[in-house]
Amino acid sequence: MDIQSRKLEFIQAFLKIQSEEVISQLENILISKSAIDSKGDSEFIPMSIEEFNERIDTSENDFENGRYKKTSELLKKYN
């Protein structure tokens, strides 16, 4: 399927959406994507190995201490 067909299918699906919350979420995605595109790739700064390892450690600690959401909880919020 080419990009134009995908866009048309997306537009058709979008027009059927009745939830203002879902529309707001899609608007936020477009806004954040536009901001990223306007900066260009030259603004991207990858995280260091140290930052990456700190995020892993924080995530593991959060999980061990029950600071996480189950997939079913997230799905309830967005369905």
N, C-alpha and C. Protein backbone atom coordinates (compact mmCIF):
# COMPACT_ATOMS: atom_id res chain seq x y z
N MET A 1 0.86 -1.18 0.00
CA MET A 1 0.00 0.00 0.00
C MET A 1 0.90 1.24 0.00
N ASP A 2 0.62 2.16 -0.90
CA ASP A 2 1.44 3.36 -0.99
C ASP A 2 1.02 4.39 0.07
N ILE A 3 1.83 5.42 0.22
CA ILE A 3 1.63 6.42 1.28
C ILE A 3 0.30 7.16 1.11
N GLN A 4 -0.09 7.45 -0.12
CA GLN A 4 -1.34 8.18 -0.35
C GLN A 4 -2.54 7.35 0.09
N SER A 5 -2.52 6.06 -0.20
CA SER A 5 -3.61 5.17 0.22
C SER A 5 -3.67 5.09 1.73
N ARG A 6 -2.52 5.01 2.37
CA ARG A 6 -2.48 4.96 3.83
C ARG A 6 -3.04 6.24 4.44
N LYS A 7 -2.70 7.37 3.85
CA LYS A 7 -3.22 8.65 4.35
C LYS A 7 -4.73 8.70 4.23
N LEU A 8 -5.25 8.27 3.09
CA LEU A 8 -6.71 8.28 2.89
C LEU A 8 -7.42 7.36 3.88
N GLU A 9 -6.85 6.18 4.13
CA GLU A 9 -7.43 5.28 5.12
C GLU A 9 -7.40 5.89 6.51
N PHE A 10 -6.30 6.56 6.82
CA PHE A 10 -6.18 7.21 8.13
C PHE A 10 -7.24 8.32 8.27
N ILE A 11 -7.40 9.12 7.24
CA ILE A 11 -8.38 10.21 7.28
C ILE A 11 -9.78 9.64 7.48
N GLN A 12 -10.10 8.57 6.77
CA GLN A 12 -11.42 7.96 6.91
C GLN A 12 -11.63 7.45 8.33
N ALA A 13 -10.62 6.81 8.89
CA ALA A 13 -10.72 6.32 10.27
C ALA A 13 -10.82 7.49 11.25
N PHE A 14 -10.05 8.54 11.00
CA PHE A 14 -10.06 9.73 11.87
C PHE A 14 -11.45 10.36 11.90
N LEU A 15 -12.09 10.45 10.77
CA LEU A 15 -13.40 11.08 10.69
C LEU A 15 -14.47 10.31 11.46
N LYS A 16 -14.21 9.04 11.74
CA LYS A 16 -15.16 8.22 12.50
C LYS A 16 -14.97 8.34 14.01
N ILE A 17 -13.88 8.93 14.45
CA ILE A 17 -13.57 9.04 15.88
C ILE A 17 -14.59 9.96 16.55
N GLN A 18 -15.14 9.50 17.67
CA GLN A 18 -16.12 10.28 18.41
C GLN A 18 -15.58 10.80 19.74
N SER A 19 -14.40 10.36 20.12
CA SER A 19 -13.83 10.72 21.41
C SER A 19 -12.94 11.97 21.30
N GLU A 20 -13.29 13.00 22.06
CA GLU A 20 -12.45 14.21 22.07
C GLU A 20 -11.07 13.91 22.63
N GLU A 21 -11.00 12.98 23.58
CA GLU A 21 -9.71 12.63 24.19
C GLU A 21 -8.78 12.02 23.14
N VAL A 22 -9.29 11.14 22.31
CA VAL A 22 -8.48 10.50 21.27
C VAL A 22 -8.03 11.55 20.25
N ILE A 23 -8.93 12.44 19.88
CA ILE A 23 -8.57 13.51 18.94
C ILE A 23 -7.48 14.39 19.53
N SER A 24 -7.59 14.72 20.81
CA SER A 24 -6.56 15.53 21.47
C SER A 24 -5.22 14.82 21.47
N GLN A 25 -5.24 13.52 21.71
CA GLN A 25 -4.00 12.75 21.71
C GLN A 25 -3.36 12.77 20.32
N LEU A 26 -4.17 12.60 19.29
CA LEU A 26 -3.64 12.64 17.93
C LEU A 26 -3.11 14.03 17.59
N GLU A 27 -3.80 15.07 18.04
CA GLU A 27 -3.31 16.43 17.82
C GLU A 27 -1.95 16.63 18.48
N ASN A 28 -1.81 16.12 19.70
CA ASN A 28 -0.54 16.24 20.42
C ASN A 28 0.59 15.52 19.69
N ILE A 29 0.28 14.37 19.11
CA ILE A 29 1.28 13.64 18.34
C ILE A 29 1.72 14.48 17.14
N LEU A 30 0.75 15.05 16.43
CA LEU A 30 1.09 15.87 15.26
C LEU A 30 1.90 17.10 15.66
N ILE A 31 1.53 17.73 16.76
CA ILE A 31 2.26 18.92 17.22
C ILE A 31 3.69 18.55 17.58
N SER A 32 3.86 17.47 18.34
CA SER A 32 5.22 17.08 18.74
C SER A 32 6.03 16.64 17.53
N LYS A 33 5.40 15.96 16.59
CA LYS A 33 6.10 15.54 15.37
C LYS A 33 6.52 16.75 14.55
N SER A 34 5.65 17.74 14.47
CA SER A 34 5.98 18.96 13.72
C SER A 34 7.15 19.68 14.36
N ALA A 35 7.18 19.70 15.69
CA ALA A 35 8.29 20.35 16.39
C ALA A 35 9.59 19.63 16.12
N ILE A 36 9.54 18.30 16.09
CA ILE A 36 10.74 17.52 15.81
C ILE A 36 11.21 17.76 14.39
N ASP A 37 10.26 17.73 13.43
CA ASP A 37 10.62 17.94 12.02
C ASP A 37 11.21 19.32 11.78
N SER A 38 10.69 20.33 12.47
CA SER A 38 11.19 21.68 12.25
C SER A 38 12.60 21.87 12.77
N LYS A 39 12.99 21.08 13.78
CA LYS A 39 14.35 21.17 14.31
C LYS A 39 15.35 20.46 13.40
N GLY A 40 14.88 19.42 12.74
CA GLY A 40 15.77 18.65 11.87
C GLY A 40 16.59 17.67 12.67
N ASP A 41 17.28 16.79 11.98
CA ASP A 41 18.08 15.77 12.63
C ASP A 41 19.32 16.33 13.31
N SER A 42 19.73 17.53 12.95
CA SER A 42 20.95 18.09 13.51
C SER A 42 20.81 18.38 15.00
N GLU A 43 19.58 18.48 15.51
CA GLU A 43 19.36 18.77 16.92
C GLU A 43 19.37 17.51 17.80
N PHE A 44 19.33 16.34 17.19
CA PHE A 44 19.26 15.10 17.94
C PHE A 44 20.59 14.82 18.62
N ILE A 45 20.52 14.62 19.94
CA ILE A 45 21.72 14.28 20.70
C ILE A 45 21.45 12.96 21.42
N PRO A 46 22.10 11.89 21.01
CA PRO A 46 21.84 10.61 21.66
C PRO A 46 22.33 10.62 23.10
N MET A 47 21.69 9.80 23.94
CA MET A 47 22.13 9.73 25.33
C MET A 47 23.42 8.93 25.42
N SER A 48 24.17 9.22 26.46
CA SER A 48 25.43 8.50 26.68
C SER A 48 25.12 7.12 27.27
N ILE A 49 26.12 6.27 27.28
CA ILE A 49 25.98 4.94 27.89
C ILE A 49 25.64 5.08 29.37
N GLU A 50 26.23 6.08 30.03
CA GLU A 50 25.95 6.30 31.45
C GLU A 50 24.48 6.67 31.66
N GLU A 51 23.96 7.59 30.84
CA GLU A 51 22.55 7.97 30.94
C GLU A 51 21.65 6.77 30.68
N PHE A 52 22.00 5.98 29.67
CA PHE A 52 21.23 4.80 29.33
C PHE A 52 21.19 3.83 30.50
N ASN A 53 22.35 3.57 31.09
CA ASN A 53 22.42 2.65 32.24
C ASN A 53 21.65 3.20 33.45
N GLU A 54 21.69 4.52 33.66
CA GLU A 54 20.92 5.13 34.75
C GLU A 54 19.42 4.92 34.54
N ARG A 55 18.96 5.06 33.31
CA ARG A 55 17.54 4.84 33.00
C ARG A 55 17.15 3.39 33.26
N ILE A 56 18.03 2.47 32.90
CA ILE A 56 17.76 1.06 33.15
C ILE A 56 17.67 0.81 34.65
N ASP A 57 18.64 1.34 35.41
CA ASP A 57 18.63 1.16 36.86
C ASP A 57 17.37 1.75 37.49
N THR A 58 16.98 2.94 37.03
CA THR A 58 15.77 3.59 37.55
C THR A 58 14.54 2.75 37.24
N SER A 59 14.46 2.25 36.03
CA SER A 59 13.32 1.43 35.62
C SER A 59 13.24 0.15 36.44
N GLU A 60 14.37 -0.50 36.64
CA GLU A 60 14.37 -1.72 37.45
C GLU A 60 13.96 -1.44 38.89
N ASN A 61 14.44 -0.32 39.43
CA ASN A 61 14.08 0.07 40.78
C ASN A 61 12.59 0.37 40.88
N ASP A 62 12.06 1.07 39.91
CA ASP A 62 10.63 1.37 39.88
C ASP A 62 9.82 0.09 39.86
N PHE A 63 10.22 -0.86 39.04
CA PHE A 63 9.49 -2.12 38.95
C PHE A 63 9.53 -2.87 40.28
N GLU A 64 10.72 -2.96 40.88
CA GLU A 64 10.86 -3.67 42.15
C GLU A 64 10.02 -3.04 43.25
N ASN A 65 9.79 -1.74 43.17
CA ASN A 65 9.03 -1.02 44.19
C ASN A 65 7.57 -0.76 43.79
N GLY A 66 7.11 -1.45 42.75
CA GLY A 66 5.71 -1.38 42.37
C GLY A 66 5.30 -0.08 41.68
N ARG A 67 6.25 0.69 41.18
CA ARG A 67 5.93 1.94 40.49
C ARG A 67 5.85 1.69 38.98
N TYR A 68 4.78 1.01 38.60
CA TYR A 68 4.56 0.72 37.19
C TYR A 68 3.07 0.48 36.97
N LYS A 69 2.67 0.47 35.71
CA LYS A 69 1.29 0.17 35.35
C LYS A 69 1.28 -1.10 34.51
N LYS A 70 0.26 -1.92 34.74
CA LYS A 70 0.10 -3.13 33.95
C LYS A 70 -0.43 -2.74 32.58
N THR A 71 -0.15 -3.59 31.60
CA THR A 71 -0.64 -3.35 30.25
C THR A 71 -2.15 -3.20 30.23
N SER A 72 -2.83 -4.02 31.01
CA SER A 72 -4.30 -3.95 31.03
C SER A 72 -4.78 -2.59 31.53
N GLU A 73 -4.06 -1.98 32.48
CA GLU A 73 -4.44 -0.64 32.97
C GLU A 73 -4.27 0.41 31.86
N LEU A 74 -3.18 0.30 31.11
CA LEU A 74 -2.94 1.25 30.02
C LEU A 74 -3.97 1.08 28.92
N LEU A 75 -4.30 -0.16 28.61
CA LEU A 75 -5.28 -0.41 27.55
C LEU A 75 -6.66 0.13 27.94
N LYS A 76 -7.04 0.01 29.22
CA LYS A 76 -8.32 0.56 29.68
C LYS A 76 -8.37 2.05 29.45
N LYS A 77 -7.27 2.73 29.70
CA LYS A 77 -7.23 4.17 29.57
C LYS A 77 -7.42 4.62 28.12
N TYR A 78 -6.88 3.87 27.18
CA TYR A 78 -6.88 4.30 25.79
C TYR A 78 -7.92 3.62 24.90
N ASN A 79 -8.68 2.68 25.46
CA ASN A 79 -9.74 2.05 24.67
C ASN A 79 -11.07 2.72 24.85
